[in-house]
Amino acid sequence: MSKRESQLMFQIFSEFINGLNHEQYESLVNGNAVIEYKRTNTIPIDDRLKDSILKSEKITDVERYFKGSLKKDIILFCESNRINVKGRDTKKEMFKKIANHFNIDYQESKDVELNEVMEKFLQLTDGVEAKQFLTAHETLKTKKEIIQFAQLLDVYVNPRHSKVAIVDRIIESVIGSQLRAKVIRS
């Protein structure tokens, strides 16, 4: 600790001690009271941030307001607003808890879109049509999105396989099983 920092620390202690009345001072000296260190909120714009979050409608807005914030800053915000979070919670879980606390719709738009895609996909009965649907759909552009879609359909896919192989596996599992079930029934 530098000389300047030491001076600031002693000044803080001095102001604290001078602010005590005689009874509080005696309790502290006798060991009946303690001085406690409590970290204050490091987010200087806490009230403006809270107002912005109150105006938001989706969890993506909450994520946008905290973009670039450290996890510890998000935890401090949650503590100051009495939101129960744990240190092991991920940022995404914290955002959900914040959204829940402020009554914001925290169902991710991606999940909603994938559910809608799944409903349309399950109505298809032809493999070629299904392949065109999956390759042309704007929600399923990346391999990661296709893997999430497969998980939603309870289809096991190997993430190491190519995007085309994963799409083929989804079609084989879902459309193929529908066709086999249809043949067995008739």
C-alpha atoms as a PDB file:
ATOM      1  CA  MET A   1       0.000   0.000   0.000  1.00  0.00           C
ATOM      2  CA  SER A   2       1.406   3.376  -0.971  1.00  0.00           C
ATOM      3  CA  LYS A   3       1.703   6.350   1.346  1.00  0.00           C
ATOM      4  CA  ARG A   4      -1.230   8.068  -0.373  1.00  0.00           C
ATOM      5  CA  GLU A   5      -3.444   4.982  -0.031  1.00  0.00           C
ATOM      6  CA  SER A   6      -2.470   4.672   3.646  1.00  0.00           C
ATOM      7  CA  GLN A   7      -3.417   8.301   4.254  1.00  0.00           C
ATOM      8  CA  LEU A   8      -6.799   7.772   2.592  1.00  0.00           C
ATOM      9  CA  MET A   9      -7.416   4.645   4.672  1.00  0.00           C
ATOM     10  CA  PHE A  10      -6.540   6.409   7.947  1.00  0.00           C
ATOM     11  CA  GLN A  11      -8.750   9.342   6.954  1.00  0.00           C
ATOM     12  CA  ILE A  12     -11.689   6.955   6.364  1.00  0.00           C
ATOM     13  CA  PHE A  13     -11.101   5.299   9.764  1.00  0.00           C
ATOM     14  CA  SER A  14     -10.743   8.670  11.460  1.00  0.00           C
ATOM     15  CA  GLU A  15     -14.012   9.949   9.997  1.00  0.00           C
ATOM     16  CA  PHE A  16     -15.723   6.723  11.006  1.00  0.00           C
ATOM     17  CA  ILE A  17     -14.473   6.900  14.616  1.00  0.00           C
ATOM     18  CA  ASN A  18     -15.336  10.619  14.896  1.00  0.00           C
ATOM     19  CA  GLY A  19     -18.866   9.839  13.675  1.00  0.00           C
ATOM     20  CA  LEU A  20     -19.507   7.413  16.551  1.00  0.00           C
ATOM     21  CA  ASN A  21     -21.245   8.522  19.709  1.00  0.00           C
ATOM     22  CA  HIS A  22     -19.699   7.690  23.113  1.00  0.00           C
ATOM     23  CA  GLU A  23     -21.781   4.535  23.622  1.00  0.00           C
ATOM     24  CA  GLN A  24     -20.897   3.143  20.178  1.00  0.00           C
ATOM     25  CA  TYR A  25     -17.229   3.955  20.751  1.00  0.00           C
ATOM     26  CA  GLU A  26     -17.206   2.157  24.134  1.00  0.00           C
ATOM     27  CA  SER A  27     -18.926  -0.902  22.618  1.00  0.00           C
ATOM     28  CA  LEU A  28     -16.308  -1.033  19.888  1.00  0.00           C
ATOM     29  CA  VAL A  29     -13.402  -0.708  22.346  1.00  0.00           C
ATOM     30  CA  ASN A  30     -14.867  -3.363  24.696  1.00  0.00           C
ATOM     31  CA  GLY A  31     -15.313  -5.828  21.839  1.00  0.00           C
ATOM     32  CA  ASN A  32     -19.118  -5.769  21.931  1.00  0.00           C
ATOM     33  CA  ALA A  33     -19.280  -4.312  18.419  1.00  0.00           C
ATOM     34  CA  VAL A  34     -17.396  -4.901  15.192  1.00  0.00           C
ATOM     35  CA  ILE A  35     -16.450  -2.867  12.162  1.00  0.00           C
ATOM     36  CA  GLU A  36     -17.719  -4.622   9.077  1.00  0.00           C
ATOM     37  CA  TYR A  37     -16.493  -4.262   5.508  1.00  0.00           C
ATOM     38  CA  LYS A  38     -19.285  -4.314   2.971  1.00  0.00           C
ATOM     39  CA  ARG A  39     -18.597  -3.748  -0.684  1.00  0.00           C
ATOM     40  CA  THR A  40     -20.778  -1.123  -2.293  1.00  0.00           C
ATOM     41  CA  ASN A  41     -22.254  -1.421  -5.730  1.00  0.00           C
ATOM     42  CA  THR A  42     -19.578  -0.839  -8.374  1.00  0.00           C
ATOM     43  CA  ILE A  43     -22.078  -0.148 -11.140  1.00  0.00           C
ATOM     44  CA  PRO A  44     -22.368   3.638 -11.004  1.00  0.00           C
ATOM     45  CA  ILE A  45     -25.407   3.727 -13.238  1.00  0.00           C
ATOM     46  CA  ASP A  46     -27.420   1.262 -11.163  1.00  0.00           C
ATOM     47  CA  ASP A  47     -30.621   3.349 -11.107  1.00  0.00           C
ATOM     48  CA  ARG A  48     -30.516   4.138 -14.817  1.00  0.00           C
ATOM     49  CA  LEU A  49     -29.791   0.481 -15.556  1.00  0.00           C
ATOM     50  CA  LYS A  50     -32.734  -0.577 -13.408  1.00  0.00           C
ATOM     51  CA  ASP A  51     -35.003   1.914 -15.201  1.00  0.00           C
ATOM     52  CA  SER A  52     -33.846   0.606 -18.576  1.00  0.00           C
ATOM     53  CA  ILE A  53     -34.499  -2.977 -17.508  1.00  0.00           C
ATOM     54  CA  LEU A  54     -37.963  -2.061 -16.249  1.00  0.00           C
ATOM     55  CA  LYS A  55     -38.771  -0.673 -19.702  1.00  0.00           C
ATOM     56  CA  SER A  56     -37.447  -3.726 -21.544  1.00  0.00           C
ATOM     57  CA  GLU A  57     -39.761  -6.358 -22.956  1.00  0.00           C
ATOM     58  CA  LYS A  58     -37.460  -9.291 -23.702  1.00  0.00           C
ATOM     59  CA  ILE A  59     -34.492 -11.018 -22.149  1.00  0.00           C
ATOM     60  CA  THR A  60     -32.374  -9.941 -25.108  1.00  0.00           C
ATOM     61  CA  ASP A  61     -32.835  -6.339 -23.955  1.00  0.00           C
ATOM     62  CA  VAL A  62     -31.540  -7.285 -20.500  1.00  0.00           C
ATOM     63  CA  GLU A  63     -28.535  -9.008 -22.082  1.00  0.00           C
ATOM     64  CA  ARG A  64     -27.869  -5.923 -24.191  1.00  0.00           C
ATOM     65  CA  TYR A  65     -27.878  -3.623 -21.130  1.00  0.00           C
ATOM     66  CA  PHE A  66     -25.287  -5.806 -19.403  1.00  0.00           C
ATOM     67  CA  LYS A  67     -23.123  -6.275 -22.501  1.00  0.00           C
ATOM     68  CA  GLY A  68     -19.485  -5.907 -21.506  1.00  0.00           C
ATOM     69  CA  SER A  69     -20.246  -6.161 -17.784  1.00  0.00           C
ATOM     70  CA  LEU A  70     -18.312  -8.571 -15.653  1.00  0.00           C
ATOM     71  CA  LYS A  71     -20.073 -11.362 -13.830  1.00  0.00           C
ATOM     72  CA  LYS A  72     -19.245  -9.784 -10.461  1.00  0.00           C
ATOM     73  CA  ASP A  73     -20.939  -6.541 -11.553  1.00  0.00           C
ATOM     74  CA  ILE A  74     -24.071  -8.455 -12.518  1.00  0.00           C
ATOM     75  CA  ILE A  75     -23.998 -10.215  -9.128  1.00  0.00           C
ATOM     76  CA  LEU A  76     -23.734  -6.835  -7.369  1.00  0.00           C
ATOM     77  CA  PHE A  77     -26.674  -5.504  -9.365  1.00  0.00           C
ATOM     78  CA  CYS A  78     -28.683  -8.578  -8.387  1.00  0.00           C
ATOM     79  CA  GLU A  79     -27.735  -8.238  -4.718  1.00  0.00           C
ATOM     80  CA  SER A  80     -28.687  -4.561  -4.657  1.00  0.00           C
ATOM     81  CA  ASN A  81     -32.092  -5.457  -6.129  1.00  0.00           C
ATOM     82  CA  ARG A  82     -32.555  -8.501  -3.869  1.00  0.00           C
ATOM     83  CA  ILE A  83     -32.399 -11.011  -6.704  1.00  0.00           C
ATOM     84  CA  ASN A  84     -31.227 -14.390  -5.484  1.00  0.00           C
ATOM     85  CA  VAL A  85     -28.192 -15.398  -7.544  1.00  0.00           C
ATOM     86  CA  LYS A  86     -25.254 -17.639  -6.800  1.00  0.00           C
ATOM     87  CA  GLY A  87     -21.648 -17.209  -7.808  1.00  0.00           C
ATOM     88  CA  ARG A  88     -21.757 -20.387  -9.833  1.00  0.00           C
ATOM     89  CA  ASP A  89     -24.725 -19.186 -11.930  1.00  0.00           C
ATOM     90  CA  THR A  90     -23.847 -18.428 -15.524  1.00  0.00           C
ATOM     91  CA  LYS A  91     -24.540 -14.999 -16.966  1.00  0.00           C
ATOM     92  CA  LYS A  92     -27.417 -16.476 -18.961  1.00  0.00           C
ATOM     93  CA  GLU A  93     -29.004 -17.885 -15.768  1.00  0.00           C
ATOM     94  CA  MET A  94     -28.552 -14.520 -14.063  1.00  0.00           C
ATOM     95  CA  PHE A  95     -30.229 -12.757 -16.975  1.00  0.00           C
ATOM     96  CA  LYS A  96     -33.175 -15.154 -16.662  1.00  0.00           C
ATOM     97  CA  LYS A  97     -33.421 -14.433 -12.925  1.00  0.00           C
ATOM     98  CA  ILE A  98     -33.259 -10.678 -13.556  1.00  0.00           C
ATOM     99  CA  ALA A  99     -35.945 -10.973 -16.231  1.00  0.00           C
ATOM    100  CA  ASN A 100     -38.102 -13.078 -13.914  1.00  0.00           C
ATOM    101  CA  HIS A 101     -37.663 -10.558 -11.079  1.00  0.00           C
ATOM    102  CA  PHE A 102     -38.767  -7.657 -13.269  1.00  0.00           C
ATOM    103  CA  ASN A 103     -41.583  -9.695 -14.925  1.00  0.00           C
ATOM    104  CA  ILE A 104     -39.972  -9.709 -18.353  1.00  0.00           C
ATOM    105  CA  ASP A 105     -40.689 -12.462 -20.862  1.00  0.00           C
ATOM    106  CA  TYR A 106     -37.547 -14.538 -20.513  1.00  0.00           C
ATOM    107  CA  GLN A 107     -38.341 -17.308 -22.955  1.00  0.00           C
ATOM    108  CA  GLU A 108     -35.683 -16.891 -25.551  1.00  0.00           C
ATOM    109  CA  SER A 109     -36.898 -15.922 -28.972  1.00  0.00           C
ATOM    110  CA  LYS A 110     -34.607 -18.570 -30.463  1.00  0.00           C
ATOM    111  CA  ASP A 111     -36.434 -21.308 -28.521  1.00  0.00           C
ATOM    112  CA  VAL A 112     -39.796 -20.000 -29.686  1.00  0.00           C
ATOM    113  CA  GLU A 113     -38.590 -19.926 -33.289  1.00  0.00           C
ATOM    114  CA  LEU A 114     -37.192 -23.452 -33.034  1.00  0.00           C
ATOM    115  CA  ASN A 115     -40.504 -24.701 -31.627  1.00  0.00           C
ATOM    116  CA  GLU A 116     -42.349 -23.148 -34.558  1.00  0.00           C
ATOM    117  CA  VAL A 117     -39.879 -24.705 -37.014  1.00  0.00           C
ATOM    118  CA  MET A 118     -40.324 -28.067 -35.292  1.00  0.00           C
ATOM    119  CA  GLU A 119     -44.115 -27.895 -35.646  1.00  0.00           C
ATOM    120  CA  LYS A 120     -43.836 -27.155 -39.361  1.00  0.00           C
ATOM    121  CA  PHE A 121     -41.154 -29.809 -39.842  1.00  0.00           C
ATOM    122  CA  LEU A 122     -43.199 -32.538 -38.163  1.00  0.00           C
ATOM    123  CA  GLN A 123     -46.031 -31.916 -40.632  1.00  0.00           C
ATOM    124  CA  LEU A 124     -43.795 -32.816 -43.586  1.00  0.00           C
ATOM    125  CA  THR A 125     -44.016 -36.350 -44.970  1.00  0.00           C
ATOM    126  CA  ASP A 126     -41.483 -36.369 -47.803  1.00  0.00           C
ATOM    127  CA  GLY A 127     -37.711 -36.614 -47.305  1.00  0.00           C
ATOM    128  CA  VAL A 128     -36.832 -34.344 -50.234  1.00  0.00           C
ATOM    129  CA  GLU A 129     -39.321 -31.727 -49.098  1.00  0.00           C
ATOM    130  CA  ALA A 130     -37.954 -31.967 -45.540  1.00  0.00           C
ATOM    131  CA  LYS A 131     -34.369 -31.500 -46.751  1.00  0.00           C
ATOM    132  CA  GLN A 132     -35.350 -28.418 -48.751  1.00  0.00           C
ATOM    133  CA  PHE A 133     -37.206 -27.071 -45.724  1.00  0.00           C
ATOM    134  CA  LEU A 134     -34.234 -27.522 -43.377  1.00  0.00           C
ATOM    135  CA  THR A 135     -31.579 -26.198 -45.748  1.00  0.00           C
ATOM    136  CA  ALA A 136     -33.630 -23.175 -46.816  1.00  0.00           C
ATOM    137  CA  HIS A 137     -34.975 -22.166 -43.391  1.00  0.00           C
ATOM    138  CA  GLU A 138     -33.446 -18.945 -42.083  1.00  0.00           C
ATOM    139  CA  THR A 139     -33.502 -20.031 -38.435  1.00  0.00           C
ATOM    140  CA  LEU A 140     -31.341 -23.072 -39.192  1.00  0.00           C
ATOM    141  CA  LYS A 141     -28.400 -21.447 -40.934  1.00  0.00           C
ATOM    142  CA  THR A 142     -25.530 -22.618 -38.766  1.00  0.00           C
ATOM    143  CA  LYS A 143     -24.455 -26.065 -37.688  1.00  0.00           C
ATOM    144  CA  LYS A 144     -24.959 -25.077 -34.043  1.00  0.00           C
ATOM    145  CA  GLU A 145     -28.600 -24.146 -34.700  1.00  0.00           C
ATOM    146  CA  ILE A 146     -29.191 -27.433 -36.518  1.00  0.00           C
ATOM    147  CA  ILE A 147     -27.700 -29.358 -33.575  1.00  0.00           C
ATOM    148  CA  GLN A 148     -30.020 -27.465 -31.186  1.00  0.00           C
ATOM    149  CA  PHE A 149     -32.932 -28.324 -33.464  1.00  0.00           C
ATOM    150  CA  ALA A 150     -31.917 -32.002 -33.401  1.00  0.00           C
ATOM    151  CA  GLN A 151     -31.796 -31.934 -29.599  1.00  0.00           C
ATOM    152  CA  LEU A 152     -35.264 -30.409 -29.566  1.00  0.00           C
ATOM    153  CA  LEU A 153     -36.465 -33.331 -31.709  1.00  0.00           C
ATOM    154  CA  ASP A 154     -34.652 -35.832 -29.432  1.00  0.00           C
ATOM    155  CA  VAL A 155     -32.470 -36.969 -32.318  1.00  0.00           C
ATOM    156  CA  TYR A 156     -28.913 -37.883 -31.416  1.00  0.00           C
ATOM    157  CA  VAL A 157     -26.394 -36.333 -33.780  1.00  0.00           C
ATOM    158  CA  ASN A 158     -22.638 -36.372 -33.643  1.00  0.00           C
ATOM    159  CA  PRO A 159     -21.459 -32.745 -33.473  1.00  0.00           C
ATOM    160  CA  ARG A 160     -18.307 -33.722 -35.360  1.00  0.00           C
ATOM    161  CA  HIS A 161     -20.264 -34.646 -38.462  1.00  0.00           C
ATOM    162  CA  SER A 162     -20.822 -32.153 -41.246  1.00  0.00           C
ATOM    163  CA  LYS A 163     -23.902 -29.958 -41.438  1.00  0.00           C
ATOM    164  CA  VAL A 164     -25.261 -32.000 -44.367  1.00  0.00           C
ATOM    165  CA  ALA A 165     -24.762 -35.291 -42.492  1.00  0.00           C
ATOM    166  CA  ILE A 166     -26.574 -33.887 -39.451  1.00  0.00           C
ATOM    167  CA  VAL A 167     -29.509 -32.722 -41.599  1.00  0.00           C
ATOM    168  CA  ASP A 168     -29.670 -36.175 -43.234  1.00  0.00           C
ATOM    169  CA  ARG A 169     -29.647 -37.820 -39.794  1.00  0.00           C
ATOM    170  CA  ILE A 170     -32.533 -35.619 -38.612  1.00  0.00           C
ATOM    171  CA  ILE A 171     -34.569 -36.401 -41.740  1.00  0.00           C
ATOM    172  CA  GLU A 172     -33.834 -40.119 -41.467  1.00  0.00           C
ATOM    173  CA  SER A 173     -34.818 -40.222 -37.802  1.00  0.00           C
ATOM    174  CA  VAL A 174     -37.956 -38.106 -37.925  1.00  0.00           C
ATOM    175  CA  ILE A 175     -39.421 -38.418 -41.427  1.00  0.00           C
ATOM    176  CA  GLY A 176     -38.152 -41.975 -41.852  1.00  0.00           C
ATOM    177  CA  SER A 177     -39.759 -43.103 -38.612  1.00  0.00           C
ATOM    178  CA  GLN A 178     -43.040 -41.440 -39.616  1.00  0.00           C
ATOM    179  CA  LEU A 179     -42.988 -43.256 -42.966  1.00  0.00           C
ATOM    180  CA  ARG A 180     -42.134 -46.604 -41.331  1.00  0.00           C
ATOM    181  CA  ALA A 181     -44.936 -46.140 -38.795  1.00  0.00           C
ATOM    182  CA  LYS A 182     -47.359 -45.298 -41.600  1.00  0.00           C
ATOM    183  CA  VAL A 183     -46.376 -48.461 -43.525  1.00  0.00           C
ATOM    184  CA  ILE A 184     -46.770 -50.615 -40.419  1.00  0.00           C
ATOM    185  CA  ARG A 185     -50.217 -49.165 -39.682  1.00  0.00           C
ATOM    186  CA  SER A 186     -51.474 -49.848 -43.211  1.00  0.00           C
END
